[in-house]
Amino acid sequence: MQEYDRVRLIVEKEKYARYGVHKGMDGWICDERSIQGSWPVCFDGYGDEPDIACIAVDEKDLEFMC
């Protein structure tokens, strides 16, 4: 994965849900570096809403989107 790639969360986990991020939500990789198998992902708000959260997500929990 690379910075600015679009991704989707493919699992439901408490460590993401506590930030308001749930399975099926879309976001984008917000840094070019992964740290110990995790990528910093910024999850979009809906419409004109602000972003929901920018959190570290395990690469195995993400699906690359075109």
C-alpha atoms as a PDB file:
ATOM      1  CA  MET A   1       0.000   0.000   0.000  1.00  0.00           C
ATOM      2  CA  GLN A   2       1.034   3.588  -0.551  1.00  0.00           C
ATOM      3  CA  GLU A   3       0.156   6.994   0.827  1.00  0.00           C
ATOM      4  CA  TYR A   4      -3.254   8.224  -0.443  1.00  0.00           C
ATOM      5  CA  ASP A   5      -4.449   4.727  -1.420  1.00  0.00           C
ATOM      6  CA  ARG A   6      -8.170   4.224  -0.744  1.00  0.00           C
ATOM      7  CA  VAL A   7      -8.922   1.356   1.648  1.00  0.00           C
ATOM      8  CA  ARG A   8     -11.916  -0.285   3.338  1.00  0.00           C
ATOM      9  CA  LEU A   9     -11.992  -1.822   6.819  1.00  0.00           C
ATOM     10  CA  ILE A  10     -12.986  -5.490   6.438  1.00  0.00           C
ATOM     11  CA  VAL A  11     -13.332  -6.511  10.103  1.00  0.00           C
ATOM     12  CA  GLU A  12     -15.197  -5.279  13.177  1.00  0.00           C
ATOM     13  CA  LYS A  13     -12.869  -4.892  16.179  1.00  0.00           C
ATOM     14  CA  GLU A  14     -13.223  -3.089  19.489  1.00  0.00           C
ATOM     15  CA  LYS A  15      -9.846  -1.353  19.028  1.00  0.00           C
ATOM     16  CA  TYR A  16     -11.289   0.461  15.967  1.00  0.00           C
ATOM     17  CA  ALA A  17     -14.878   0.807  17.186  1.00  0.00           C
ATOM     18  CA  ARG A  18     -13.789   2.869  20.206  1.00  0.00           C
ATOM     19  CA  TYR A  19     -12.836   5.590  17.675  1.00  0.00           C
ATOM     20  CA  GLY A  20     -16.112   5.304  15.751  1.00  0.00           C
ATOM     21  CA  VAL A  21     -14.622   3.190  12.951  1.00  0.00           C
ATOM     22  CA  HIS A  22     -16.556   0.075  11.891  1.00  0.00           C
ATOM     23  CA  LYS A  23     -16.418  -2.713   9.304  1.00  0.00           C
ATOM     24  CA  GLY A  24     -17.169  -1.462   5.787  1.00  0.00           C
ATOM     25  CA  MET A  25     -15.981   2.108   6.337  1.00  0.00           C
ATOM     26  CA  ASP A  26     -13.743   3.745   3.714  1.00  0.00           C
ATOM     27  CA  GLY A  27     -10.624   5.774   4.307  1.00  0.00           C
ATOM     28  CA  TRP A  28      -7.225   6.609   2.887  1.00  0.00           C
ATOM     29  CA  ILE A  29      -3.639   5.868   3.875  1.00  0.00           C
ATOM     30  CA  CYS A  30      -2.367   9.137   5.345  1.00  0.00           C
ATOM     31  CA  ASP A  31       1.379   8.405   5.575  1.00  0.00           C
ATOM     32  CA  GLU A  32       3.881   6.621   3.363  1.00  0.00           C
ATOM     33  CA  ARG A  33       5.231   4.510   6.243  1.00  0.00           C
ATOM     34  CA  SER A  34       3.746   1.453   7.891  1.00  0.00           C
ATOM     35  CA  ILE A  35       4.784   0.680  11.456  1.00  0.00           C
ATOM     36  CA  GLN A  36       4.917  -2.957  12.576  1.00  0.00           C
ATOM     37  CA  GLY A  37       2.346  -4.026   9.984  1.00  0.00           C
ATOM     38  CA  SER A  38      -0.079  -1.145  10.631  1.00  0.00           C
ATOM     39  CA  TRP A  39      -0.942   1.806   8.411  1.00  0.00           C
ATOM     40  CA  PRO A  40      -2.201   5.225   9.515  1.00  0.00           C
ATOM     41  CA  VAL A  41      -5.671   5.522   7.973  1.00  0.00           C
ATOM     42  CA  CYS A  42      -7.927   8.555   7.931  1.00  0.00           C
ATOM     43  CA  PHE A  43     -11.604   7.527   7.792  1.00  0.00           C
ATOM     44  CA  ASP A  44     -13.876   9.926   5.938  1.00  0.00           C
ATOM     45  CA  GLY A  45     -16.902  11.614   7.422  1.00  0.00           C
ATOM     46  CA  TYR A  46     -20.155  11.517   5.483  1.00  0.00           C
ATOM     47  CA  GLY A  47     -20.922  14.327   3.030  1.00  0.00           C
ATOM     48  CA  ASP A  48     -19.493  17.563   4.387  1.00  0.00           C
ATOM     49  CA  GLU A  49     -18.856  16.082   7.845  1.00  0.00           C
ATOM     50  CA  PRO A  50     -15.287  16.169   9.206  1.00  0.00           C
ATOM     51  CA  ASP A  51     -13.159  13.016   9.191  1.00  0.00           C
ATOM     52  CA  ILE A  52     -14.246  10.438  11.768  1.00  0.00           C
ATOM     53  CA  ALA A  53     -10.792   9.354  12.912  1.00  0.00           C
ATOM     54  CA  CYS A  54      -7.186   8.919  11.836  1.00  0.00           C
ATOM     55  CA  ILE A  55      -5.920   5.722  13.447  1.00  0.00           C
ATOM     56  CA  ALA A  56      -3.384   2.907  12.961  1.00  0.00           C
ATOM     57  CA  VAL A  57      -4.994  -0.132  11.303  1.00  0.00           C
ATOM     58  CA  ASP A  58      -3.443  -3.563  10.809  1.00  0.00           C
ATOM     59  CA  GLU A  59      -2.753  -4.187   7.118  1.00  0.00           C
ATOM     60  CA  LYS A  60      -4.575  -7.538   7.284  1.00  0.00           C
ATOM     61  CA  ASP A  61      -7.743  -5.686   8.355  1.00  0.00           C
ATOM     62  CA  LEU A  62      -7.776  -3.508   5.217  1.00  0.00           C
ATOM     63  CA  GLU A  63      -8.903  -4.057   1.651  1.00  0.00           C
ATOM     64  CA  PHE A  64      -7.338  -2.003  -1.134  1.00  0.00           C
ATOM     65  CA  MET A  65      -9.904  -0.102  -3.261  1.00  0.00           C
ATOM     66  CA  CYS A  66      -9.319   1.005  -6.847  1.00  0.00           C
END
